[in-house]
Amino acid sequence: MERGCYYKDYLLRIQKRQMTKETSINSVQEPIINAPPEVRQILERVLQLEKDKLYMRSPRNINEDILKIIKEVVQ
């Protein structure tokens, strides 16, 4: 086989791998992007809550905090 064929095959494999990664990222993000504003607000606040508690050795009351966020947004 020529070098050109190996190079083309290599480029095709890289391109396919990149497309697969983009597709998987898009499929994960799609429900979040298309979610209603209330759901997105809940997700953003819960993510911030988790970030705020990352430093803790054993975060306490996170379930209650998440429930509180949901109740606040739903009302």
N, C-alpha and C. Protein backbone atom coordinates (compact mmCIF):
# COMPACT_ATOMS: atom_id res chain seq x y z
N MET A 1 0.83 -1.19 0.00
CA MET A 1 0.00 0.00 0.00
C MET A 1 0.87 1.25 0.00
N GLU A 2 0.41 2.28 -0.66
CA GLU A 2 1.15 3.53 -0.70
C GLU A 2 0.99 4.30 0.60
N ARG A 3 1.91 5.21 0.82
CA ARG A 3 1.80 6.07 2.00
C ARG A 3 0.52 6.89 1.96
N GLY A 4 0.15 7.35 0.78
CA GLY A 4 -1.05 8.16 0.63
C GLY A 4 -2.28 7.42 1.12
N CYS A 5 -2.36 6.11 0.85
CA CYS A 5 -3.51 5.31 1.30
C CYS A 5 -3.52 5.20 2.82
N TYR A 6 -2.36 4.96 3.41
CA TYR A 6 -2.29 4.89 4.87
C TYR A 6 -2.71 6.21 5.50
N TYR A 7 -2.22 7.30 4.90
CA TYR A 7 -2.53 8.63 5.42
C TYR A 7 -4.03 8.92 5.31
N LYS A 8 -4.62 8.59 4.15
CA LYS A 8 -6.06 8.81 3.96
C LYS A 8 -6.86 7.97 4.94
N ASP A 9 -6.45 6.71 5.12
CA ASP A 9 -7.15 5.83 6.06
C ASP A 9 -7.05 6.37 7.48
N TYR A 10 -5.86 6.86 7.83
CA TYR A 10 -5.65 7.45 9.15
C TYR A 10 -6.54 8.67 9.35
N LEU A 11 -6.59 9.54 8.35
CA LEU A 11 -7.43 10.73 8.44
C LEU A 11 -8.91 10.37 8.56
N LEU A 12 -9.35 9.36 7.82
CA LEU A 12 -10.75 8.92 7.90
C LEU A 12 -11.08 8.38 9.28
N ARG A 13 -10.15 7.63 9.86
CA ARG A 13 -10.39 7.11 11.22
C ARG A 13 -10.48 8.23 12.24
N ILE A 14 -9.61 9.24 12.12
CA ILE A 14 -9.65 10.38 13.03
C ILE A 14 -10.96 11.14 12.86
N GLN A 15 -11.35 11.37 11.61
CA GLN A 15 -12.59 12.10 11.35
C GLN A 15 -13.79 11.34 11.91
N LYS A 16 -13.81 10.03 11.74
CA LYS A 16 -14.91 9.22 12.25
C LYS A 16 -14.95 9.29 13.78
N ARG A 17 -13.79 9.22 14.41
CA ARG A 17 -13.70 9.30 15.87
C ARG A 17 -14.22 10.65 16.38
N GLN A 18 -13.85 11.72 15.69
CA GLN A 18 -14.30 13.06 16.09
C GLN A 18 -15.81 13.19 15.92
N MET A 19 -16.34 12.65 14.85
CA MET A 19 -17.79 12.70 14.63
C MET A 19 -18.52 11.93 15.71
N THR A 20 -17.97 10.79 16.11
CA THR A 20 -18.59 9.99 17.15
C THR A 20 -18.59 10.75 18.47
N LYS A 21 -17.49 11.42 18.80
CA LYS A 21 -17.42 12.21 20.03
C LYS A 21 -18.42 13.35 19.99
N GLU A 22 -18.49 14.06 18.85
CA GLU A 22 -19.43 15.17 18.72
C GLU A 22 -20.86 14.68 18.85
N THR A 23 -21.15 13.54 18.24
CA THR A 23 -22.49 12.99 18.31
C THR A 23 -22.84 12.61 19.73
N SER A 24 -21.91 12.00 20.45
CA SER A 24 -22.21 11.59 21.82
C SER A 24 -22.36 12.82 22.73
N ILE A 25 -21.57 13.85 22.52
CA ILE A 25 -21.71 15.07 23.32
C ILE A 25 -23.04 15.73 23.01
N ASN A 26 -23.38 15.81 21.73
CA ASN A 26 -24.65 16.42 21.35
C ASN A 26 -25.83 15.64 21.90
N SER A 27 -25.75 14.33 21.89
CA SER A 27 -26.86 13.53 22.39
C SER A 27 -27.02 13.68 23.91
N VAL A 28 -25.92 13.95 24.60
CA VAL A 28 -25.98 14.16 26.05
C VAL A 28 -26.53 15.56 26.34
N GLN A 29 -26.10 16.54 25.59
CA GLN A 29 -26.49 17.92 25.84
C GLN A 29 -27.89 18.24 25.32
N GLU A 30 -28.37 17.50 24.36
CA GLU A 30 -29.65 17.80 23.72
C GLU A 30 -30.81 17.94 24.70
N PRO A 31 -31.02 17.02 25.64
CA PRO A 31 -32.13 17.20 26.58
C PRO A 31 -31.97 18.44 27.46
N ILE A 32 -30.75 18.79 27.77
CA ILE A 32 -30.51 19.97 28.61
C ILE A 32 -30.79 21.23 27.81
N ILE A 33 -30.31 21.28 26.59
CA ILE A 33 -30.49 22.46 25.76
C ILE A 33 -31.97 22.69 25.45
N ASN A 34 -32.70 21.62 25.20
CA ASN A 34 -34.11 21.73 24.81
C ASN A 34 -35.06 21.70 26.00
N ALA A 35 -34.53 21.68 27.20
CA ALA A 35 -35.38 21.62 28.39
C ALA A 35 -36.09 22.95 28.60
N PRO A 36 -37.25 22.91 29.24
CA PRO A 36 -37.94 24.15 29.57
C PRO A 36 -37.09 25.00 30.53
N PRO A 37 -37.33 26.30 30.58
CA PRO A 37 -36.51 27.19 31.43
C PRO A 37 -36.48 26.77 32.90
N GLU A 38 -37.59 26.25 33.40
CA GLU A 38 -37.63 25.84 34.81
C GLU A 38 -36.66 24.68 35.07
N VAL A 39 -36.64 23.75 34.15
CA VAL A 39 -35.75 22.58 34.30
C VAL A 39 -34.29 23.02 34.21
N ARG A 40 -34.02 23.90 33.28
CA ARG A 40 -32.64 24.41 33.15
C ARG A 40 -32.22 25.16 34.41
N GLN A 41 -33.14 25.91 34.99
CA GLN A 41 -32.83 26.64 36.22
C GLN A 41 -32.51 25.66 37.35
N ILE A 42 -33.30 24.60 37.45
CA ILE A 42 -33.04 23.58 38.47
C ILE A 42 -31.67 22.96 38.25
N LEU A 43 -31.37 22.59 37.02
CA LEU A 43 -30.07 21.97 36.72
C LEU A 43 -28.92 22.90 37.08
N GLU A 44 -29.03 24.18 36.69
CA GLU A 44 -27.96 25.12 36.98
C GLU A 44 -27.76 25.30 38.47
N ARG A 45 -28.85 25.40 39.21
CA ARG A 45 -28.74 25.61 40.66
C ARG A 45 -28.19 24.38 41.37
N VAL A 46 -28.61 23.19 40.91
CA VAL A 46 -28.11 21.95 41.52
C VAL A 46 -26.62 21.78 41.21
N LEU A 47 -26.22 22.10 40.00
CA LEU A 47 -24.80 22.02 39.66
C LEU A 47 -23.98 22.98 40.52
N GLN A 48 -24.49 24.17 40.72
CA GLN A 48 -23.78 25.14 41.56
C GLN A 48 -23.70 24.64 43.01
N LEU A 49 -24.79 24.06 43.48
CA LEU A 49 -24.81 23.50 44.83
C LEU A 49 -23.75 22.41 44.98
N GLU A 50 -23.67 21.53 43.98
CA GLU A 50 -22.67 20.46 44.03
C GLU A 50 -21.25 21.03 44.00
N LYS A 51 -21.03 22.05 43.18
CA LYS A 51 -19.71 22.67 43.14
C LYS A 51 -19.36 23.28 44.49
N ASP A 52 -20.34 23.92 45.12
CA ASP A 52 -20.10 24.55 46.42
C ASP A 52 -19.78 23.53 47.50
N LYS A 53 -20.26 22.31 47.35
CA LYS A 53 -20.05 21.29 48.38
C LYS A 53 -18.89 20.35 48.06
N LEU A 54 -18.23 20.56 46.95
CA LEU A 54 -17.13 19.67 46.56
C LEU A 54 -16.00 19.66 47.57
N TYR A 55 -15.73 20.77 48.20
CA TYR A 55 -14.61 20.85 49.13
C TYR A 55 -14.88 20.07 50.41
N MET A 56 -16.13 19.79 50.69
CA MET A 56 -16.48 19.10 51.94
C MET A 56 -16.09 17.63 51.87
N ARG A 57 -15.66 17.13 52.99
CA ARG A 57 -15.28 15.72 53.05
C ARG A 57 -16.51 14.84 52.87
N SER A 58 -17.56 15.15 53.56
CA SER A 58 -18.83 14.43 53.38
C SER A 58 -19.96 15.46 53.38
N PRO A 59 -20.37 15.88 52.19
CA PRO A 59 -21.40 16.91 52.11
C PRO A 59 -22.70 16.45 52.79
N ARG A 60 -23.24 17.30 53.60
CA ARG A 60 -24.44 16.96 54.34
C ARG A 60 -25.64 17.73 53.78
N ASN A 61 -26.78 17.11 53.91
CA ASN A 61 -28.05 17.73 53.55
C ASN A 61 -28.17 18.10 52.08
N ILE A 62 -27.41 17.47 51.22
CA ILE A 62 -27.49 17.84 49.80
C ILE A 62 -28.85 17.45 49.22
N ASN A 63 -29.39 16.32 49.65
CA ASN A 63 -30.71 15.91 49.15
C ASN A 63 -31.78 16.91 49.54
N GLU A 64 -31.70 17.39 50.76
CA GLU A 64 -32.67 18.38 51.22
C GLU A 64 -32.51 19.69 50.46
N ASP A 65 -31.26 20.06 50.19
CA ASP A 65 -31.00 21.29 49.44
C ASP A 65 -31.54 21.18 48.00
N ILE A 66 -31.36 20.02 47.39
CA ILE A 66 -31.88 19.81 46.04
C ILE A 66 -33.40 19.86 46.04
N LEU A 67 -34.00 19.22 47.02
CA LEU A 67 -35.46 19.25 47.13
C LEU A 67 -35.95 20.69 47.31
N LYS A 68 -35.25 21.46 48.10
CA LYS A 68 -35.61 22.87 48.33
C LYS A 68 -35.54 23.66 47.02
N ILE A 69 -34.49 23.43 46.24
CA ILE A 69 -34.35 24.10 44.95
C ILE A 69 -35.52 23.77 44.05
N ILE A 70 -35.87 22.50 43.97
CA ILE A 70 -36.98 22.07 43.10
C ILE A 70 -38.27 22.72 43.54
N LYS A 71 -38.54 22.73 44.84
CA LYS A 71 -39.77 23.33 45.34
C LYS A 71 -39.82 24.82 45.04
N GLU A 72 -38.70 25.51 45.18
CA GLU A 72 -38.67 26.95 44.91
C GLU A 72 -38.95 27.25 43.44
N VAL A 73 -38.37 26.46 42.56
CA VAL A 73 -38.54 26.71 41.13
C VAL A 73 -39.96 26.35 40.69
N VAL A 74 -40.50 25.29 41.23
CA VAL A 74 -41.84 24.84 40.81
C VAL A 74 -42.92 25.81 41.28
N GLN A 75 -42.75 26.42 42.45
CA GLN A 75 -43.79 27.31 42.97
C GLN A 75 -43.89 28.59 42.23
